[in-house]
Amino acid sequence: MSKKKKHEDHEEHVDESWLIPYADLLTLLLALFIILFASSQLDSKKYDSIMRSLNNAFSGGEAPFAMSNLIPIDDAANSTKNNNKNQNPPTKEQSKEESQLAAKLQKEEKDLEELKKSMDAFIKDNSMSEQLTTKLDNEKLTITISDRALFDSGSATIKQDSQNLALTMSNLLASYPGYQVEVGGHTDNIPIHRADFETNWDLSAKRAVNFMKILLNNGKIDPSSYSSVGFGEYRPIAPNDTTDGRAKNRRVEVSILRNIKATDEIAK
């Protein structure tokens, strides 16, 4: 009886050993779909996070997926773009345009540097470093003239002894044609109440116009390239709460604008 009972128990036992490889297969399929999903996303941070999670789940570390060969789509797109760029070199026409632009840029830089050096030499020779300054940047060459070098207080009439400055600057500008020149007038924030100037806008605009008129007396200058504007007190370069600051803000700026801006430079 005991042998028969033992035999029956053995027959009723279900073999579940197949569950282990089945579970492994499901896990691997899940991992595969997760990897496929992650590799199709543009968010590389999510991709890296999923990889770390899988590494920790399967091995407790980062060894299995640490050196994944999957390439995020954005990197692949950039790689394809670079390959296409290398496979499609610029045409002769494009190369010619780039060469012309480079030549213009080089000439412009040379012109403005020479003009600045000439103006700096005039400032040094006439001991006017406290009244005139120059600045060259990516947009323009700016010549800043203190109001006391040109005008009496509250006046827009160019002083007689300042005529030489205006004439020298006019001759220098005439040597470098082809540039737009803007003459801007600026004041401090002290209100002005006069019959001829009701506001600082009026004073700054009139000063800019009067100085520009002297520059245009030179017949070699094209008037269509010149303009004047009054900024009043609204473009200060120093605080208006001190005497020195207000003196710096009362000025005329002559700006020689670049024809080729930074955005026009040749693409690397």
Protein backbone atom coordinates (compact mmCIF):
# COMPACT_ATOMS: atom_id res chain seq x y z
CA MET A 1 0.00 0.00 0.00
CA SER A 2 2.77 2.43 0.84
CA LYS A 3 4.48 1.92 -2.51
CA LYS A 4 1.24 2.50 -4.38
CA LYS A 5 0.51 5.70 -2.49
CA LYS A 6 4.02 6.99 -3.17
CA HIS A 7 3.61 6.27 -6.86
CA GLU A 8 0.32 8.19 -7.04
CA ASP A 9 1.83 11.26 -5.36
CA HIS A 10 4.60 11.30 -7.93
CA GLU A 11 2.08 11.26 -10.81
CA GLU A 12 0.08 14.19 -9.39
CA HIS A 13 3.15 16.50 -9.11
CA VAL A 14 3.26 19.21 -11.90
CA ASP A 15 6.60 19.94 -13.46
CA GLU A 16 7.10 23.79 -13.31
CA SER A 17 10.72 23.92 -14.40
CA TRP A 18 9.66 25.50 -17.70
CA LEU A 19 8.70 28.73 -15.89
CA ILE A 20 12.31 29.73 -15.35
CA PRO A 21 13.38 29.98 -19.04
CA TYR A 22 9.94 31.39 -19.87
CA ALA A 23 10.41 34.17 -17.31
CA ASP A 24 13.90 34.86 -18.64
CA LEU A 25 12.52 35.10 -22.16
CA LEU A 26 9.84 37.58 -21.09
CA THR A 27 12.44 39.65 -19.25
CA LEU A 28 14.69 39.76 -22.29
CA LEU A 29 11.78 40.76 -24.54
CA LEU A 30 10.85 43.50 -22.10
CA ALA A 31 14.42 44.74 -22.10
CA LEU A 32 14.50 44.66 -25.90
CA PHE A 33 11.34 46.75 -26.24
CA ILE A 34 12.54 49.22 -23.62
CA ILE A 35 15.83 49.66 -25.47
CA LEU A 36 14.03 50.11 -28.79
CA PHE A 37 11.72 52.65 -27.23
CA ALA A 38 14.57 54.53 -25.58
CA SER A 39 16.67 54.62 -28.75
CA SER A 40 13.79 56.24 -30.65
CA GLN A 41 13.54 59.17 -28.25
CA LEU A 42 15.31 62.52 -28.69
CA ASP A 43 15.77 62.94 -24.94
CA SER A 44 19.22 61.52 -24.27
CA LYS A 45 18.79 62.01 -20.50
CA LYS A 46 15.85 59.60 -20.44
CA TYR A 47 17.85 57.15 -22.53
CA ASP A 48 20.77 57.22 -20.10
CA SER A 49 18.43 56.86 -17.14
CA ILE A 50 16.78 53.78 -18.63
CA MET A 51 20.17 52.25 -19.39
CA ARG A 52 21.29 52.71 -15.81
CA SER A 53 18.06 51.18 -14.53
CA LEU A 54 18.46 48.13 -16.75
CA ASN A 55 22.10 47.74 -15.73
CA ASN A 56 21.18 47.80 -12.07
CA ALA A 57 18.27 45.41 -12.62
CA PHE A 58 20.25 42.76 -14.49
CA SER A 59 23.71 42.96 -13.03
CA GLY A 60 23.66 45.32 -10.08
CA GLY A 61 26.05 47.61 -11.94
CA GLU A 62 26.69 49.33 -15.24
CA ALA A 63 28.82 46.79 -17.03
CA PRO A 64 26.42 45.19 -19.55
CA PHE A 65 25.08 48.43 -21.07
CA ALA A 66 27.87 50.80 -20.16
CA MET A 67 29.22 50.82 -23.69
CA SER A 68 25.96 50.78 -25.65
CA ASN A 69 26.33 50.93 -29.41
CA LEU A 70 22.95 52.60 -29.84
CA ILE A 71 23.18 56.16 -31.18
CA PRO A 72 20.51 58.69 -30.17
CA ILE A 73 18.59 60.07 -33.14
CA ASP A 74 19.81 63.63 -32.66
CA ASP A 75 23.45 62.53 -32.76
CA ALA A 76 22.76 60.38 -35.81
CA ALA A 77 21.09 63.32 -37.54
CA ASN A 78 24.05 65.56 -36.83
CA SER A 79 26.42 62.89 -38.09
CA THR A 80 24.40 62.53 -41.29
CA LYS A 81 24.29 66.29 -41.73
CA ASN A 82 28.06 66.58 -41.34
CA ASN A 83 28.59 63.72 -43.79
CA ASN A 84 26.32 65.37 -46.33
CA LYS A 85 28.18 68.64 -45.87
CA ASN A 86 31.48 66.90 -46.52
CA GLN A 87 30.04 65.10 -49.52
CA ASN A 88 28.66 68.36 -50.97
CA PRO A 89 31.51 70.89 -51.08
CA PRO A 90 30.65 74.51 -51.91
CA THR A 91 30.22 75.36 -55.56
CA LYS A 92 32.52 77.71 -57.43
CA GLU A 93 29.91 80.45 -57.15
CA GLN A 94 29.62 79.98 -53.40
CA SER A 95 33.39 79.97 -53.02
CA LYS A 96 33.60 83.16 -55.07
CA GLU A 97 30.98 84.88 -52.91
CA GLU A 98 32.78 83.83 -49.75
CA SER A 99 36.08 85.12 -51.11
CA GLN A 100 34.49 88.45 -52.02
CA LEU A 101 32.92 88.75 -48.58
CA ALA A 102 36.25 87.96 -46.93
CA ALA A 103 37.97 90.63 -49.03
CA LYS A 104 35.32 93.23 -48.14
CA LEU A 105 35.58 92.36 -44.48
CA GLN A 106 39.36 92.67 -44.57
CA LYS A 107 39.18 96.04 -46.33
CA GLU A 108 36.57 97.34 -43.91
CA GLU A 109 38.64 96.34 -40.90
CA LYS A 110 41.71 97.99 -42.43
CA ASP A 111 39.79 101.21 -43.21
CA LEU A 112 38.33 101.59 -39.74
CA GLU A 113 41.59 100.77 -37.99
CA GLU A 114 43.46 103.33 -40.11
CA LEU A 115 40.77 105.95 -39.46
CA LYS A 116 40.95 105.30 -35.74
CA LYS A 117 44.75 105.58 -35.73
CA SER A 118 44.60 108.87 -37.65
CA MET A 119 42.03 110.27 -35.24
CA ASP A 120 44.03 109.07 -32.23
CA ALA A 121 47.13 110.79 -33.64
CA PHE A 122 45.20 114.07 -34.00
CA ILE A 123 43.96 113.76 -30.42
CA LYS A 124 47.50 113.15 -29.15
CA ASP A 125 49.09 115.94 -31.20
CA ASN A 126 46.52 118.46 -29.95
CA SER A 127 46.43 117.22 -26.33
CA MET A 128 42.71 116.54 -26.51
CA SER A 129 42.59 113.14 -24.82
CA GLU A 130 40.20 114.47 -22.19
CA GLN A 131 37.83 115.85 -24.80
CA LEU A 132 37.91 113.18 -27.53
CA THR A 133 37.94 109.39 -27.46
CA THR A 134 37.63 106.66 -30.08
CA LYS A 135 36.25 103.14 -29.86
CA LEU A 136 36.13 100.39 -32.49
CA ASP A 137 33.83 97.40 -32.01
CA ASN A 138 31.93 94.85 -34.10
CA GLU A 139 29.29 97.38 -35.14
CA LYS A 140 31.02 100.71 -35.65
CA LEU A 141 33.83 103.13 -35.01
CA THR A 142 32.66 105.77 -32.54
CA ILE A 143 34.35 109.14 -32.08
CA THR A 144 33.07 110.78 -28.90
CA ILE A 145 33.50 114.55 -28.50
CA SER A 146 32.85 116.30 -25.21
CA ASP A 147 30.40 119.18 -25.45
CA ARG A 148 32.93 121.62 -23.98
CA ALA A 149 35.18 120.96 -26.97
CA LEU A 150 32.47 122.24 -29.31
CA PHE A 151 29.89 124.38 -27.52
CA ASP A 152 29.39 126.91 -24.82
CA SER A 153 27.03 125.90 -22.01
CA GLY A 154 23.44 125.62 -23.23
CA SER A 155 24.40 126.56 -26.79
CA ALA A 156 24.28 124.61 -30.06
CA THR A 157 26.61 126.95 -31.97
CA ILE A 158 30.03 125.46 -32.78
CA LYS A 159 32.78 127.52 -31.14
CA GLN A 160 35.16 129.23 -33.54
CA ASP A 161 38.23 127.55 -32.09
CA SER A 162 36.58 124.15 -32.65
CA GLN A 163 36.35 124.58 -36.41
CA ASN A 164 39.76 122.92 -36.90
CA LEU A 165 38.53 119.77 -35.17
CA ALA A 166 35.46 119.53 -37.40
CA LEU A 167 37.48 120.19 -40.58
CA THR A 168 40.12 117.60 -39.67
CA MET A 169 37.48 115.01 -38.98
CA SER A 170 35.73 115.88 -42.25
CA ASN A 171 38.91 115.33 -44.25
CA LEU A 172 39.56 112.01 -42.54
CA LEU A 173 36.02 110.79 -43.19
CA ALA A 174 36.26 111.85 -46.84
CA SER A 175 39.26 109.54 -47.25
CA TYR A 176 37.09 106.53 -46.41
CA PRO A 177 33.89 106.78 -48.47
CA GLY A 178 31.20 104.13 -48.65
CA TYR A 179 30.23 104.09 -44.98
CA GLN A 180 27.09 105.33 -43.29
CA VAL A 181 27.90 108.03 -40.72
CA GLU A 182 25.57 108.97 -37.88
CA VAL A 183 26.05 112.12 -35.79
CA GLY A 184 24.31 111.85 -32.43
CA GLY A 185 23.76 114.57 -29.83
CA HIS A 186 23.50 113.79 -26.10
CA THR A 187 22.83 115.84 -22.96
CA ASP A 188 22.71 115.33 -19.21
CA ASN A 189 19.43 115.11 -17.32
CA ILE A 190 19.33 118.70 -16.09
CA PRO A 191 16.16 120.25 -17.59
CA ILE A 192 16.65 123.21 -19.93
CA HIS A 193 14.14 126.01 -20.33
CA ARG A 194 15.07 128.48 -23.03
CA ALA A 195 13.26 130.18 -25.83
CA ASP A 196 15.33 128.40 -28.46
CA PHE A 197 15.49 125.01 -26.68
CA GLU A 198 12.44 123.88 -24.78
CA THR A 199 13.87 120.46 -23.90
CA ASN A 200 17.10 118.50 -23.96
CA TRP A 201 15.77 116.74 -27.05
CA ASP A 202 15.86 120.06 -28.92
CA LEU A 203 19.35 120.93 -27.70
CA SER A 204 20.86 117.53 -28.52
CA ALA A 205 19.24 117.42 -31.96
CA LYS A 206 20.41 120.92 -32.88
CA ARG A 207 23.95 120.23 -31.76
CA ALA A 208 24.09 117.08 -33.87
CA VAL A 209 22.76 118.88 -36.94
CA ASN A 210 25.14 121.83 -36.59
CA PHE A 211 28.20 119.60 -36.27
CA MET A 212 27.10 117.48 -39.21
CA LYS A 213 26.69 120.59 -41.36
CA ILE A 214 30.36 121.46 -40.85
CA LEU A 215 31.37 117.93 -41.80
CA LEU A 216 29.31 118.20 -44.99
CA ASN A 217 31.05 121.42 -46.06
CA ASN A 218 33.66 119.11 -47.55
CA GLY A 219 32.70 118.58 -51.17
CA LYS A 220 34.26 115.11 -51.19
CA ILE A 221 31.65 113.80 -48.77
CA ASP A 222 28.37 112.26 -49.96
CA PRO A 223 25.56 113.82 -47.89
CA SER A 224 23.28 110.84 -48.53
CA SER A 225 25.53 108.73 -46.29
CA TYR A 226 25.10 111.06 -43.30
CA SER A 227 22.34 111.43 -40.74
CA SER A 228 21.89 113.18 -37.41
CA VAL A 229 19.81 112.34 -34.36
CA GLY A 230 19.18 113.86 -30.95
CA PHE A 231 19.05 111.44 -28.03
CA GLY A 232 18.52 114.00 -25.30
CA GLU A 233 19.35 112.64 -21.85
CA TYR A 234 18.31 109.06 -22.60
CA ARG A 235 21.60 107.46 -23.65
CA PRO A 236 23.89 108.24 -20.69
CA ILE A 237 27.34 106.70 -20.43
CA ALA A 238 27.83 107.76 -16.81
CA PRO A 239 25.61 108.43 -13.77
CA ASN A 240 23.97 111.84 -13.81
CA ASP A 241 24.21 112.27 -10.04
CA THR A 242 27.72 113.75 -10.16
CA THR A 243 29.26 116.72 -11.95
CA ASP A 244 31.81 114.53 -13.74
CA GLY A 245 29.12 112.08 -14.80
CA ARG A 246 26.93 114.81 -16.27
CA ALA A 247 29.94 116.27 -18.11
CA LYS A 248 30.62 112.87 -19.74
CA ASN A 249 27.01 112.56 -20.84
CA ARG A 250 27.03 115.93 -22.61
CA ARG A 251 28.64 114.88 -25.88
CA VAL A 252 28.44 114.46 -29.64
CA GLU A 253 29.15 111.02 -31.10
CA VAL A 254 30.18 110.46 -34.70
CA SER A 255 29.59 106.80 -35.57
CA ILE A 256 31.02 105.20 -38.72
CA LEU A 257 28.86 102.10 -39.20
CA ARG A 258 30.21 98.84 -40.49
CA ASN A 259 28.75 97.58 -43.76
CA ILE A 260 29.42 93.96 -42.81
CA LYS A 261 27.92 93.00 -39.47
CA ALA A 262 28.96 90.08 -37.30
CA THR A 263 26.03 88.02 -38.65
CA ASP A 264 27.37 88.44 -42.19
CA GLU A 265 30.76 86.93 -41.46
CA ILE A 266 31.80 83.85 -43.38
CA ALA A 267 30.53 80.61 -41.85
CA LYS A 268 33.29 78.42 -40.57
